[in-house]
N, C-alpha and C. Protein backbone atom coordinates (compact mmCIF):
# COMPACT_ATOMS: atom_id res chain seq x y z
N MET A 1 19.40 -34.22 -29.48
CA MET A 1 18.40 -34.91 -28.71
C MET A 1 18.26 -34.38 -27.25
N GLU A 2 19.44 -34.03 -26.81
CA GLU A 2 19.22 -33.55 -25.37
C GLU A 2 18.67 -32.26 -25.20
N THR A 3 18.90 -31.29 -26.27
CA THR A 3 18.33 -30.02 -26.20
C THR A 3 16.77 -30.16 -26.15
N THR A 4 16.32 -31.12 -27.15
CA THR A 4 14.72 -31.25 -27.23
C THR A 4 14.16 -31.82 -25.96
N GLU A 5 14.91 -32.82 -25.38
CA GLU A 5 14.56 -33.24 -24.07
C GLU A 5 14.31 -32.19 -23.03
N VAL A 6 15.40 -31.35 -22.91
CA VAL A 6 15.47 -30.24 -21.89
C VAL A 6 14.21 -29.31 -22.27
N LEU A 7 14.05 -28.97 -23.50
CA LEU A 7 12.94 -28.01 -23.82
C LEU A 7 11.64 -28.62 -23.38
N HIS A 8 11.43 -29.94 -23.55
CA HIS A 8 10.09 -30.62 -23.28
C HIS A 8 9.93 -30.69 -21.79
N ILE A 9 11.05 -30.76 -21.13
CA ILE A 9 10.93 -30.86 -19.65
C ILE A 9 10.62 -29.36 -19.19
N GLU A 10 11.32 -28.30 -19.79
CA GLU A 10 10.88 -26.99 -19.30
C GLU A 10 9.51 -26.65 -19.70
N ASN A 11 9.00 -27.05 -20.85
CA ASN A 11 7.54 -26.84 -21.19
C ASN A 11 6.58 -27.42 -20.23
N GLN A 12 6.85 -28.70 -19.75
CA GLN A 12 5.99 -29.30 -18.79
C GLN A 12 6.15 -28.58 -17.49
N SER A 13 7.18 -28.14 -17.03
CA SER A 13 7.38 -27.39 -15.76
C SER A 13 6.57 -26.03 -15.85
N ASN A 14 6.76 -25.33 -17.06
CA ASN A 14 5.96 -24.09 -17.11
C ASN A 14 4.44 -24.26 -17.14
N LYS A 15 3.93 -25.45 -17.78
CA LYS A 15 2.49 -25.67 -17.74
C LYS A 15 2.08 -26.03 -16.25
N LYS A 16 2.87 -26.65 -15.53
CA LYS A 16 2.42 -27.01 -14.15
C LYS A 16 2.51 -25.57 -13.34
N GLU A 17 3.37 -24.70 -13.50
CA GLU A 17 3.52 -23.48 -12.77
C GLU A 17 2.21 -22.58 -13.10
N THR A 18 1.84 -22.61 -14.55
CA THR A 18 0.72 -21.93 -14.91
C THR A 18 -0.57 -22.45 -14.33
N LYS A 19 -0.66 -23.80 -14.22
CA LYS A 19 -1.91 -24.37 -13.66
C LYS A 19 -2.01 -24.08 -12.09
N SER A 20 -0.76 -24.07 -11.55
CA SER A 20 -0.75 -23.79 -10.05
C SER A 20 -1.10 -22.35 -9.83
N THR A 21 -0.63 -21.43 -10.72
CA THR A 21 -0.88 -20.03 -10.59
C THR A 21 -2.37 -19.88 -10.69
N GLU A 22 -3.10 -20.49 -11.82
CA GLU A 22 -4.46 -20.29 -12.05
C GLU A 22 -5.20 -20.82 -10.87
N GLN A 23 -4.84 -22.00 -10.22
CA GLN A 23 -5.58 -22.44 -9.08
C GLN A 23 -5.46 -21.52 -7.85
N ASN A 24 -4.35 -20.91 -7.79
CA ASN A 24 -4.13 -19.93 -6.50
C ASN A 24 -4.96 -18.76 -6.80
N ASP A 25 -5.12 -18.21 -8.06
CA ASP A 25 -5.93 -17.05 -8.42
C ASP A 25 -7.43 -17.47 -8.19
N THR A 26 -7.85 -18.69 -8.49
CA THR A 26 -9.13 -19.06 -8.30
C THR A 26 -9.45 -19.25 -6.77
N LYS A 27 -8.67 -19.71 -6.04
CA LYS A 27 -8.75 -19.84 -4.69
C LYS A 27 -8.90 -18.53 -3.89
N LYS A 28 -7.96 -17.56 -4.43
CA LYS A 28 -8.12 -16.22 -3.84
C LYS A 28 -9.30 -15.54 -4.25
N LYS A 29 -9.78 -15.60 -5.48
CA LYS A 29 -11.17 -15.05 -5.81
C LYS A 29 -12.34 -15.56 -4.90
N LEU A 30 -12.32 -16.91 -4.71
CA LEU A 30 -13.28 -17.48 -4.02
C LEU A 30 -13.21 -17.03 -2.54
N SER A 31 -12.00 -16.96 -1.93
CA SER A 31 -11.80 -16.44 -0.78
C SER A 31 -12.24 -15.12 -0.61
N ASN A 32 -11.96 -14.20 -1.45
CA ASN A 32 -12.50 -12.82 -1.35
C ASN A 32 -14.10 -12.84 -1.49
N PHE A 33 -14.52 -13.60 -2.35
CA PHE A 33 -16.12 -13.66 -2.50
C PHE A 33 -16.68 -14.06 -1.06
N CYS A 34 -16.24 -15.13 -0.51
CA CYS A 34 -16.65 -15.53 0.72
C CYS A 34 -16.59 -14.55 1.86
N LEU A 35 -15.43 -13.86 1.89
CA LEU A 35 -15.23 -12.75 2.97
C LEU A 35 -16.27 -11.66 2.63
N ASP A 36 -16.41 -11.39 1.35
CA ASP A 36 -17.34 -10.32 1.10
C ASP A 36 -18.89 -10.49 1.38
N VAL A 37 -19.24 -11.80 1.09
CA VAL A 37 -20.58 -12.31 1.61
C VAL A 37 -20.79 -12.23 3.06
N ALA A 38 -19.70 -12.63 3.74
CA ALA A 38 -19.75 -12.58 5.26
C ALA A 38 -19.82 -11.27 5.72
N LYS A 39 -19.17 -10.34 5.09
CA LYS A 39 -19.21 -8.94 5.50
C LYS A 39 -20.60 -8.34 5.28
N TYR A 40 -21.20 -8.61 4.16
CA TYR A 40 -22.52 -8.10 3.85
C TYR A 40 -23.54 -8.59 4.82
N VAL A 41 -23.57 -9.94 5.10
CA VAL A 41 -24.39 -10.42 6.07
C VAL A 41 -24.32 -9.91 7.37
N LEU A 42 -23.07 -9.82 7.98
CA LEU A 42 -22.78 -9.16 9.19
C LEU A 42 -23.31 -7.66 9.18
N THR A 43 -23.00 -6.98 8.16
CA THR A 43 -23.51 -5.57 8.07
C THR A 43 -24.95 -5.48 8.08
N GLY A 44 -25.72 -6.32 7.37
CA GLY A 44 -27.01 -6.36 7.29
C GLY A 44 -27.68 -6.75 8.71
N VAL A 45 -27.15 -7.63 9.38
CA VAL A 45 -27.80 -8.08 10.64
C VAL A 45 -27.45 -6.73 11.64
N PHE A 46 -26.37 -6.09 11.57
CA PHE A 46 -25.91 -5.02 12.64
C PHE A 46 -26.88 -3.75 12.16
N PHE A 47 -27.16 -3.45 10.88
CA PHE A 47 -28.00 -2.36 10.54
C PHE A 47 -29.54 -2.77 10.90
N ALA A 48 -29.85 -4.05 10.70
CA ALA A 48 -31.21 -4.43 10.97
C ALA A 48 -31.62 -4.28 12.46
N THR A 49 -30.64 -4.56 13.33
CA THR A 49 -30.68 -4.48 14.77
C THR A 49 -30.76 -2.93 15.12
N ILE A 50 -29.89 -2.08 14.60
CA ILE A 50 -30.07 -0.60 14.75
C ILE A 50 -31.37 -0.06 14.34
N PHE A 51 -31.98 -0.54 13.27
CA PHE A 51 -33.26 0.00 12.82
C PHE A 51 -34.31 -0.49 13.77
N VAL A 52 -34.24 -1.49 14.28
CA VAL A 52 -35.32 -1.90 15.21
C VAL A 52 -35.25 -1.13 16.56
N LEU A 53 -33.94 -0.92 17.04
CA LEU A 53 -33.74 -0.13 18.27
C LEU A 53 -33.98 1.34 18.23
N ILE A 54 -33.78 1.91 17.10
CA ILE A 54 -33.94 3.45 16.96
C ILE A 54 -35.30 3.74 16.22
N GLU A 55 -35.97 4.57 16.91
CA GLU A 55 -37.34 4.88 16.27
C GLU A 55 -37.22 5.84 15.08
N ASP A 56 -36.26 6.78 15.21
CA ASP A 56 -36.22 7.77 14.00
C ASP A 56 -35.21 7.33 13.01
N ARG A 57 -35.71 6.52 12.11
CA ARG A 57 -34.97 5.87 11.00
C ARG A 57 -34.57 6.73 9.94
N TYR A 58 -35.03 7.83 9.77
CA TYR A 58 -34.86 8.67 8.55
C TYR A 58 -33.34 9.33 8.62
N TRP A 59 -33.09 9.66 9.98
CA TRP A 59 -31.60 10.25 10.02
C TRP A 59 -30.59 9.19 9.69
N ILE A 60 -30.78 7.99 10.12
CA ILE A 60 -29.87 6.93 9.78
C ILE A 60 -29.77 6.65 8.37
N LEU A 61 -30.78 6.56 7.65
CA LEU A 61 -30.90 6.57 6.08
C LEU A 61 -30.13 7.58 5.52
N PHE A 62 -30.39 8.80 5.99
CA PHE A 62 -29.78 10.09 5.41
C PHE A 62 -28.24 10.10 5.66
N PHE A 63 -27.78 9.71 6.79
CA PHE A 63 -26.43 9.77 7.15
C PHE A 63 -25.87 8.49 6.42
N SER A 64 -26.38 7.40 6.33
CA SER A 64 -25.71 6.23 5.71
C SER A 64 -25.71 6.52 4.21
N GLY A 65 -26.72 7.15 3.66
CA GLY A 65 -26.52 7.53 2.16
C GLY A 65 -25.29 8.47 1.92
N ILE A 66 -25.06 9.43 2.91
CA ILE A 66 -24.05 10.34 2.61
C ILE A 66 -22.76 9.63 2.88
N LEU A 67 -22.54 8.81 3.79
CA LEU A 67 -21.38 7.91 4.12
C LEU A 67 -21.06 6.99 2.87
N VAL A 68 -22.13 6.37 2.31
CA VAL A 68 -21.75 5.47 1.28
C VAL A 68 -21.34 6.25 -0.01
N GLY A 69 -22.07 7.43 -0.27
CA GLY A 69 -21.50 8.29 -1.42
C GLY A 69 -20.04 8.72 -1.12
N VAL A 70 -19.76 9.11 -0.19
CA VAL A 70 -18.36 9.60 0.23
C VAL A 70 -17.36 8.36 0.05
N LEU A 71 -17.71 7.29 0.64
CA LEU A 71 -16.94 6.07 0.47
C LEU A 71 -16.63 5.69 -0.98
N ILE A 72 -17.85 5.68 -1.73
CA ILE A 72 -17.77 5.34 -3.23
C ILE A 72 -16.80 6.34 -3.95
N LEU A 73 -16.95 7.64 -3.69
CA LEU A 73 -15.97 8.57 -4.21
C LEU A 73 -14.51 8.46 -3.84
N ILE A 74 -14.25 8.17 -2.63
CA ILE A 74 -12.87 7.77 -2.20
C ILE A 74 -12.43 6.67 -2.81
N GLY A 75 -13.21 5.59 -2.95
CA GLY A 75 -12.74 4.29 -3.54
C GLY A 75 -12.55 4.53 -5.08
N VAL A 76 -13.34 5.20 -5.68
CA VAL A 76 -13.23 5.53 -7.17
C VAL A 76 -11.95 6.29 -7.36
N THR A 77 -11.71 7.19 -6.72
CA THR A 77 -10.51 8.19 -6.71
C THR A 77 -9.31 7.42 -6.54
N LEU A 78 -9.21 6.52 -5.56
CA LEU A 78 -8.02 5.76 -5.24
C LEU A 78 -7.77 4.71 -6.26
N ASN A 79 -8.84 4.07 -6.79
CA ASN A 79 -8.74 3.15 -7.87
C ASN A 79 -8.16 3.76 -9.09
N LYS A 80 -8.68 4.87 -9.39
CA LYS A 80 -8.30 5.59 -10.69
C LYS A 80 -6.76 6.02 -10.52
N GLN A 81 -6.37 6.26 -9.45
CA GLN A 81 -5.00 6.79 -9.21
C GLN A 81 -4.06 5.55 -9.26
N LYS A 82 -4.57 4.40 -8.82
CA LYS A 82 -3.76 3.05 -8.84
C LYS A 82 -3.54 2.72 -10.31
N TYR A 83 -4.49 2.91 -11.05
CA TYR A 83 -4.37 2.50 -12.54
C TYR A 83 -3.65 3.57 -13.40
N GLU A 84 -3.60 4.72 -13.03
CA GLU A 84 -2.96 5.74 -13.78
C GLU A 84 -1.48 5.74 -13.64
N LYS A 85 -0.92 5.07 -12.59
CA LYS A 85 0.49 5.00 -12.21
C LYS A 85 1.11 4.00 -13.19
C-alpha cells in the first residue's frame, strides 16, 4: 500500500512539472513572438524614414537585398551546424 501511494504522489508531481514546463515553453514562445513583432515594426519605421529622407532609393534596395541574402546564408549555415552536432 505504501509503495502505491508513493507512486501515485510521484505521478502527480511529474504531471505538475510537465504542465509547468509546458506553460514556461508557451510563455517563452509568446515572448519571442512579441519581441519579433516589435523588431519588425521598429525596423519598418526606421527604413520608411530613411526612404523618405534619401532620394536615391535604388541603392538602398540593392544593398539591403545583398545584406539580407548574406544574413540568410549565415543564419542557415549556423543553424545547420547546430543541428549536425
